[in-house]
């Protein structure tokens, strides 16, 4: 039996479309799951003093709040390295902090573990899709005037 050219092309396109639809559905599900847990807003400042807000996840460990940048090329990481005074809004309360990226493997493993425990499958999914070379950032209360 001979298949038409149309059916030869349509089969792979249908499979690809179905795969893409499943991937998109999983992405939306994981995004919604991530938004159902605590999402904080980190405000960083550029050299001109302009504020930039980034929604992210936060965990607490050792008396400090911790956030994690997914990739080292993210702009908010560069901004807080240049100007470490930041603001974090959690549960509707904004506080000032001094941000310190911590790049040792033990700290990264600990913060990754805490994020996974708190955010579950959503954290796993973001790890698959977005995260490469994550960097934990410790936020210590900024007491300077």
N, C-alpha and C. Protein backbone atom coordinates (compact mmCIF):
# COMPACT_ATOMS: atom_id res chain seq x y z
N UNK A 1 0.85 -1.17 0.00
CA UNK A 1 0.00 0.00 0.00
C UNK A 1 0.89 1.23 0.00
N UNK A 2 0.55 2.16 -0.83
CA UNK A 2 1.34 3.36 -0.98
C UNK A 2 0.73 4.52 -0.20
N UNK A 3 1.58 5.22 0.58
CA UNK A 3 1.09 6.36 1.37
C UNK A 3 1.30 7.63 0.56
N UNK A 4 0.39 8.55 0.71
CA UNK A 4 0.53 9.82 0.00
C UNK A 4 1.58 10.68 0.69
N UNK A 5 2.12 11.61 -0.07
CA UNK A 5 3.10 12.54 0.51
C UNK A 5 2.50 13.31 1.68
N UNK A 6 1.24 13.64 1.56
CA UNK A 6 0.57 14.40 2.61
C UNK A 6 0.57 13.62 3.93
N UNK A 7 0.28 12.33 3.91
CA UNK A 7 0.24 11.55 5.14
C UNK A 7 1.65 11.33 5.69
N UNK A 8 2.66 11.26 4.83
CA UNK A 8 4.04 11.11 5.28
C UNK A 8 4.48 12.33 6.07
N UNK A 9 4.07 13.52 5.63
CA UNK A 9 4.43 14.76 6.31
C UNK A 9 3.55 14.99 7.54
N UNK A 10 2.27 14.68 7.41
CA UNK A 10 1.33 14.97 8.49
C UNK A 10 1.63 14.17 9.75
N UNK A 11 2.06 12.93 9.64
CA UNK A 11 2.35 12.11 10.82
C UNK A 11 3.39 12.75 11.73
N UNK A 12 4.59 13.08 11.22
CA UNK A 12 5.60 13.72 12.08
C UNK A 12 5.16 15.08 12.60
N UNK A 13 4.44 15.84 11.78
CA UNK A 13 3.96 17.15 12.23
C UNK A 13 2.95 17.00 13.36
N UNK A 14 2.09 16.00 13.23
CA UNK A 14 1.10 15.75 14.29
C UNK A 14 1.80 15.33 15.58
N UNK A 15 2.78 14.47 15.47
CA UNK A 15 3.54 14.04 16.65
C UNK A 15 4.26 15.22 17.29
N UNK A 16 4.89 16.05 16.46
CA UNK A 16 5.61 17.22 16.99
C UNK A 16 4.64 18.19 17.64
N UNK A 17 3.50 18.41 17.01
CA UNK A 17 2.49 19.32 17.57
C UNK A 17 1.95 18.80 18.89
N UNK A 18 1.72 17.50 18.97
CA UNK A 18 1.23 16.90 20.21
C UNK A 18 2.27 17.03 21.31
N UNK A 19 3.53 16.76 20.96
CA UNK A 19 4.62 16.90 21.94
C UNK A 19 4.73 18.33 22.44
N UNK A 20 4.65 19.28 21.52
CA UNK A 20 4.74 20.69 21.89
C UNK A 20 3.56 21.09 22.78
N UNK A 21 2.38 20.60 22.47
CA UNK A 21 1.20 20.91 23.29
C UNK A 21 1.35 20.33 24.69
N UNK A 22 1.85 19.11 24.80
CA UNK A 22 2.07 18.51 26.12
C UNK A 22 3.13 19.28 26.90
N UNK A 23 4.20 19.68 26.22
CA UNK A 23 5.25 20.46 26.86
C UNK A 23 4.69 21.79 27.37
N UNK A 24 3.89 22.46 26.54
CA UNK A 24 3.30 23.75 26.94
C UNK A 24 2.35 23.55 28.12
N UNK A 25 1.56 22.49 28.10
CA UNK A 25 0.64 22.22 29.21
C UNK A 25 1.41 21.97 30.50
N UNK A 26 2.49 21.22 30.41
CA UNK A 26 3.31 20.96 31.60
C UNK A 26 3.94 22.26 32.09
N UNK A 27 4.42 23.09 31.18
CA UNK A 27 5.04 24.36 31.57
C UNK A 27 4.03 25.25 32.29
N UNK A 28 2.82 25.35 31.77
CA UNK A 28 1.78 26.17 32.39
C UNK A 28 1.42 25.61 33.77
N UNK A 29 1.29 24.29 33.85
CA UNK A 29 0.97 23.66 35.13
C UNK A 29 2.05 23.95 36.16
N UNK A 30 3.31 23.84 35.78
CA UNK A 30 4.40 24.09 36.71
C UNK A 30 4.48 25.57 37.09
N UNK A 31 4.20 26.46 36.15
CA UNK A 31 4.20 27.89 36.46
C UNK A 31 3.13 28.18 37.50
N UNK A 32 1.95 27.66 37.27
CA UNK A 32 0.85 27.88 38.22
C UNK A 32 1.21 27.29 39.57
N UNK A 33 1.80 26.10 39.59
CA UNK A 33 2.21 25.48 40.85
C UNK A 33 3.24 26.36 41.56
N UNK A 34 4.16 26.94 40.81
CA UNK A 34 5.17 27.83 41.38
C UNK A 34 4.56 29.09 41.96
N UNK A 35 3.52 29.58 41.33
CA UNK A 35 2.87 30.80 41.80
C UNK A 35 1.97 30.53 43.01
N UNK A 36 1.64 29.27 43.27
CA UNK A 36 0.79 28.93 44.41
C UNK A 36 1.58 28.94 45.71
N UNK A 37 2.90 28.92 45.63
CA UNK A 37 3.75 28.96 46.80
C UNK A 37 4.27 30.38 46.96
N UNK A 38 5.13 30.58 47.93
CA UNK A 38 5.63 31.94 48.18
C UNK A 38 6.47 32.45 47.01
N UNK A 39 6.06 33.58 46.48
CA UNK A 39 6.83 34.28 45.45
C UNK A 39 7.13 35.66 46.01
N UNK A 40 8.40 35.99 46.07
CA UNK A 40 8.83 37.29 46.59
C UNK A 40 9.23 38.19 45.43
N UNK A 41 9.45 39.45 45.74
CA UNK A 41 9.92 40.40 44.73
C UNK A 41 11.22 41.02 45.24
N UNK A 42 12.28 40.84 44.45
CA UNK A 42 13.57 41.42 44.76
C UNK A 42 13.75 42.67 43.92
N UNK A 43 14.05 43.77 44.57
CA UNK A 43 14.29 45.03 43.87
C UNK A 43 15.79 45.31 43.90
N UNK A 44 16.37 45.39 42.70
CA UNK A 44 17.77 45.77 42.54
C UNK A 44 17.80 47.14 41.88
N UNK A 45 18.97 47.77 41.90
CA UNK A 45 19.11 49.11 41.33
C UNK A 45 20.27 49.11 40.34
N UNK A 46 20.05 49.81 39.23
CA UNK A 46 21.15 49.93 38.27
C UNK A 46 22.01 51.14 38.63
N UNK A 47 23.06 51.38 37.86
CA UNK A 47 24.01 52.46 38.16
C UNK A 47 23.35 53.83 38.18
N UNK A 48 22.27 54.00 37.45
CA UNK A 48 21.56 55.27 37.43
C UNK A 48 20.54 55.41 38.55
N UNK A 49 20.41 54.39 39.39
CA UNK A 49 19.45 54.44 40.49
C UNK A 49 18.06 53.96 40.14
N UNK A 50 17.88 53.46 38.92
CA UNK A 50 16.58 52.97 38.50
C UNK A 50 16.31 51.60 39.13
N UNK A 51 15.14 51.45 39.77
CA UNK A 51 14.83 50.15 40.38
C UNK A 51 14.37 49.13 39.34
N UNK A 52 14.69 47.87 39.60
CA UNK A 52 14.27 46.76 38.73
C UNK A 52 13.74 45.66 39.64
N UNK A 53 12.50 45.24 39.41
CA UNK A 53 11.87 44.21 40.22
C UNK A 53 11.95 42.85 39.53
N UNK A 54 12.25 41.83 40.31
CA UNK A 54 12.33 40.46 39.82
C UNK A 54 11.53 39.56 40.76
N UNK A 55 10.57 38.82 40.19
CA UNK A 55 9.83 37.84 40.99
C UNK A 55 10.69 36.59 41.12
N UNK A 56 10.75 36.05 42.35
CA UNK A 56 11.56 34.86 42.56
C UNK A 56 11.13 34.14 43.81
N UNK A 57 11.74 33.00 44.02
CA UNK A 57 11.47 32.20 45.21
C UNK A 57 12.49 32.51 46.28
N UNK A 58 12.11 32.27 47.52
CA UNK A 58 12.98 32.59 48.65
C UNK A 58 12.84 31.50 49.71
N UNK A 59 13.96 31.18 50.34
CA UNK A 59 13.96 30.25 51.48
C UNK A 59 14.74 30.90 52.61
N UNK A 60 14.55 30.36 53.79
CA UNK A 60 15.28 30.85 54.97
C UNK A 60 16.22 29.76 55.45
N UNK A 61 17.44 30.17 55.82
CA UNK A 61 18.41 29.22 56.35
C UNK A 61 19.47 29.98 57.13
N UNK A 62 19.77 29.49 58.31
CA UNK A 62 20.83 30.08 59.11
C UNK A 62 20.58 31.53 59.47
N UNK A 63 19.33 31.91 59.66
CA UNK A 63 19.01 33.28 60.04
C UNK A 63 19.00 34.28 58.89
N UNK A 64 19.19 33.80 57.66
CA UNK A 64 19.17 34.68 56.49
C UNK A 64 18.13 34.21 55.49
N UNK A 65 17.64 35.16 54.71
CA UNK A 65 16.81 34.82 53.56
C UNK A 65 17.77 34.51 52.41
N UNK A 66 17.38 33.57 51.56
CA UNK A 66 18.21 33.19 50.41
C UNK A 66 17.33 33.18 49.16
N UNK A 67 17.88 33.72 48.09
CA UNK A 67 17.28 33.62 46.77
C UNK A 67 18.31 32.92 45.88
N UNK A 68 17.91 32.59 44.68
CA UNK A 68 18.83 31.88 43.80
C UNK A 68 18.66 32.40 42.39
N UNK A 69 19.78 32.75 41.78
CA UNK A 69 19.75 33.16 40.37
C UNK A 69 19.97 31.90 39.53
N UNK A 70 19.15 31.72 38.51
CA UNK A 70 19.18 30.50 37.71
C UNK A 70 20.42 30.41 36.81
N UNK A 71 20.83 31.55 36.29
CA UNK A 71 21.96 31.58 35.34
C UNK A 71 22.84 32.78 35.66
N UNK A 72 24.14 32.62 35.52
CA UNK A 72 25.04 33.71 35.89
C UNK A 72 24.90 34.96 35.01
N UNK A 73 24.33 34.83 33.84
CA UNK A 73 24.20 36.00 32.95
C UNK A 73 22.94 36.84 33.21
N UNK A 74 22.16 36.47 34.20
CA UNK A 74 20.96 37.25 34.50
C UNK A 74 21.34 38.66 34.95
N UNK A 75 20.63 39.63 34.46
CA UNK A 75 20.96 41.03 34.74
C UNK A 75 20.82 41.39 36.21
N UNK A 76 19.84 40.80 36.88
CA UNK A 76 19.65 41.18 38.29
C UNK A 76 20.84 40.74 39.13
N UNK A 77 21.53 39.69 38.75
CA UNK A 77 22.73 39.30 39.48
C UNK A 77 23.83 40.34 39.29
N UNK A 78 24.01 40.79 38.07
CA UNK A 78 25.03 41.83 37.80
C UNK A 78 24.70 43.11 38.57
N UNK A 79 23.41 43.48 38.63
CA UNK A 79 23.04 44.69 39.35
C UNK A 79 23.33 44.56 40.84
N UNK A 80 22.99 43.42 41.45
CA UNK A 80 23.22 43.32 42.90
C UNK A 80 24.70 43.13 43.23
N UNK A 81 25.48 42.62 42.29
CA UNK A 81 26.93 42.56 42.53
C UNK A 81 27.53 43.96 42.49
N UNK A 82 27.01 44.81 41.62
CA UNK A 82 27.50 46.19 41.53
C UNK A 82 26.97 47.04 42.69
N UNK A 83 25.72 46.85 43.04
CA UNK A 83 25.08 47.61 44.12
C UNK A 83 24.36 46.59 45.01
N UNK A 84 25.01 46.11 46.07
CA UNK A 84 24.44 45.02 46.87
C UNK A 84 23.27 45.39 47.77
N UNK A 85 22.94 46.67 47.88
CA UNK A 85 21.75 47.05 48.65
C UNK A 85 20.52 46.78 47.81
N UNK A 86 19.66 45.92 48.34
CA UNK A 86 18.46 45.50 47.62
C UNK A 86 17.27 45.58 48.57
N UNK A 87 16.10 45.40 48.02
CA UNK A 87 14.88 45.30 48.83
C UNK A 87 14.18 44.01 48.46
N UNK A 88 13.61 43.37 49.45
CA UNK A 88 12.85 42.15 49.22
C UNK A 88 11.47 42.33 49.81
N UNK A 89 10.46 42.05 49.02
CA UNK A 89 9.08 42.10 49.48
C UNK A 89 8.57 40.68 49.62
N UNK A 90 8.21 40.33 50.87
CA UNK A 90 7.66 39.02 51.21
C UNK A 90 6.40 39.23 52.01
N UNK A 91 5.36 38.54 51.63
CA UNK A 91 4.09 38.61 52.38
C UNK A 91 3.63 40.06 52.52
N UNK A 92 3.88 40.88 51.51
CA UNK A 92 3.45 42.27 51.52
C UNK A 92 4.32 43.22 52.32
N UNK A 93 5.41 42.73 52.90
CA UNK A 93 6.31 43.55 53.71
C UNK A 93 7.64 43.70 52.96
N UNK A 94 8.08 44.96 52.82
CA UNK A 94 9.35 45.23 52.14
C UNK A 94 10.42 45.58 53.16
N UNK A 95 11.57 44.92 53.01
CA UNK A 95 12.71 45.19 53.89
C UNK A 95 13.96 45.36 53.03
N UNK A 96 14.92 46.11 53.60
CA UNK A 96 16.20 46.31 52.91
C UNK A 96 17.20 45.26 53.35
N UNK A 97 18.01 44.81 52.37
CA UNK A 97 19.02 43.79 52.62
C UNK A 97 20.31 44.14 51.91
N UNK A 98 21.34 43.46 52.32
CA UNK A 98 22.63 43.49 51.64
C UNK A 98 22.78 42.10 51.01
N UNK A 99 22.92 42.05 49.70
CA UNK A 99 22.95 40.79 48.95
C UNK A 99 24.40 40.33 48.75
N UNK A 100 24.61 39.05 49.00
CA UNK A 100 25.94 38.46 48.82
C UNK A 100 25.81 37.14 48.06
N UNK A 101 26.23 37.10 46.79
CA UNK A 101 26.26 35.82 46.07
C UNK A 101 27.27 34.89 46.74
N UNK A 102 26.89 33.63 46.90
CA UNK A 102 27.75 32.64 47.53
C UNK A 102 27.93 31.50 46.53
N UNK A 103 29.16 31.30 46.09
CA UNK A 103 29.40 30.38 44.97
C UNK A 103 30.02 29.03 45.36
N UNK A 104 30.10 28.72 46.65
CA UNK A 104 30.70 27.43 46.98
C UNK A 104 29.67 26.30 46.81
N UNK A 105 30.17 25.12 46.48
CA UNK A 105 29.32 23.98 46.15
C UNK A 105 28.43 23.54 47.32
N UNK A 106 28.95 23.57 48.53
CA UNK A 106 28.17 23.13 49.68
C UNK A 106 26.96 24.03 49.92
N UNK A 107 27.17 25.33 49.80
CA UNK A 107 26.06 26.28 49.98
C UNK A 107 25.04 26.09 48.86
N UNK A 108 25.52 25.97 47.64
CA UNK A 108 24.61 25.77 46.51
C UNK A 108 23.76 24.52 46.73
N UNK A 109 24.39 23.43 47.16
CA UNK A 109 23.65 22.18 47.40
C UNK A 109 22.61 22.37 48.50
N UNK A 110 22.96 23.08 49.55
CA UNK A 110 22.03 23.30 50.67
C UNK A 110 20.83 24.14 50.22
N UNK A 111 21.08 25.22 49.51
CA UNK A 111 19.98 26.09 49.05
C UNK A 111 19.15 25.36 48.00
N UNK A 112 19.78 24.60 47.12
CA UNK A 112 19.03 23.79 46.14
C UNK A 112 18.10 22.82 46.87
N UNK A 113 18.58 22.19 47.93
CA UNK A 113 17.78 21.24 48.71
C UNK A 113 16.59 21.95 49.35
N UNK A 114 16.84 23.12 49.95
CA UNK A 114 15.74 23.87 50.58
C UNK A 114 14.71 24.33 49.56
N UNK A 115 15.17 24.78 48.41
CA UNK A 115 14.24 25.20 47.34
C UNK A 115 13.41 24.02 46.88
N UNK A 116 14.06 22.86 46.70
CA UNK A 116 13.33 21.66 46.24
C UNK A 116 12.29 21.24 47.28
N UNK A 117 12.64 21.31 48.56
CA UNK A 117 11.69 20.95 49.61
C UNK A 117 10.50 21.90 49.63
N UNK A 118 10.76 23.17 49.45
CA UNK A 118 9.69 24.17 49.54
C UNK A 118 8.84 24.24 48.27
N UNK A 119 9.48 24.17 47.11
CA UNK A 119 8.77 24.41 45.85
C UNK A 119 8.49 23.16 45.03
N UNK A 120 9.03 22.02 45.47
CA UNK A 120 8.68 20.72 44.89
C UNK A 120 8.91 20.58 43.40
N UNK A 121 7.91 20.05 42.74
CA UNK A 121 8.02 19.76 41.30
C UNK A 121 8.25 21.01 40.46
N UNK A 122 7.71 22.12 40.91
CA UNK A 122 7.93 23.36 40.16
C UNK A 122 9.42 23.71 40.13
N UNK A 123 10.11 23.50 41.27
CA UNK A 123 11.55 23.74 41.31
C UNK A 123 12.28 22.78 40.38
N UNK A 124 11.88 21.53 40.38
CA UNK A 124 12.48 20.55 39.48
C UNK A 124 12.31 20.99 38.03
N UNK A 125 11.08 21.39 37.69
CA UNK A 125 10.78 21.78 36.30
C UNK A 125 11.63 22.99 35.88
N UNK A 126 11.71 24.00 36.70
CA UNK A 126 12.54 25.16 36.36
C UNK A 126 14.00 24.76 36.22
N UNK A 127 14.42 23.78 37.00
CA UNK A 127 15.78 23.29 36.87
C UNK A 127 16.03 22.67 35.51
N UNK A 128 15.06 21.94 35.01
CA UNK A 128 15.18 21.31 33.70
C UNK A 128 15.16 22.36 32.58
N UNK A 129 14.26 23.32 32.69
CA UNK A 129 14.02 24.26 31.60
C UNK A 129 14.94 25.49 31.65
N UNK A 130 15.21 26.02 32.81
CA UNK A 130 15.85 27.33 32.91
C UNK A 130 17.23 27.30 33.56
N UNK A 131 17.38 26.53 34.59
CA UNK A 131 18.54 26.66 35.47
C UNK A 131 19.80 26.04 34.88
N UNK A 132 20.89 26.82 34.93
CA UNK A 132 22.24 26.31 34.63
C UNK A 132 23.20 27.14 35.46
N UNK A 133 24.05 26.51 36.20
CA UNK A 133 25.00 27.19 37.08
C UNK A 133 24.29 28.12 38.06
N UNK A 134 23.36 27.59 38.86
CA UNK A 134 22.65 28.44 39.81
C UNK A 134 23.59 29.03 40.86
N UNK A 135 23.26 30.23 41.28
CA UNK A 135 24.05 30.91 42.31
C UNK A 135 23.13 31.34 43.44
N UNK A 136 23.35 30.80 44.64
CA UNK A 136 22.56 31.27 45.78
C UNK A 136 23.02 32.67 46.19
N UNK A 137 22.08 33.45 46.66
CA UNK A 137 22.37 34.81 47.12
C UNK A 137 21.81 34.96 48.53
N UNK A 138 22.70 35.24 49.48
CA UNK A 138 22.29 35.44 50.87
C UNK A 138 21.85 36.89 51.04
N UNK A 139 20.73 37.08 51.71
CA UNK A 139 20.22 38.42 51.99
C UNK A 139 20.29 38.65 53.50
N UNK A 140 21.15 39.57 53.90
CA UNK A 140 21.30 39.93 55.31
C UNK A 140 20.66 41.30 55.52
N UNK A 141 19.94 41.47 56.63
CA UNK A 141 19.30 42.78 56.88
C UNK A 141 20.31 43.92 56.76
N UNK A 142 19.90 44.96 56.06
CA UNK A 142 20.75 46.14 55.87
C UNK A 142 20.36 47.15 56.95
N UNK A 143 21.26 47.38 57.87
CA UNK A 143 20.98 48.28 58.98
C UNK A 143 21.55 49.68 58.75
N UNK A 144 22.23 49.87 57.61
CA UNK A 144 22.79 51.19 57.31
C UNK A 144 21.67 52.19 57.02
N UNK A 145 21.88 53.46 57.41
CA UNK A 145 20.83 54.48 57.17
C UNK A 145 20.67 54.80 55.69
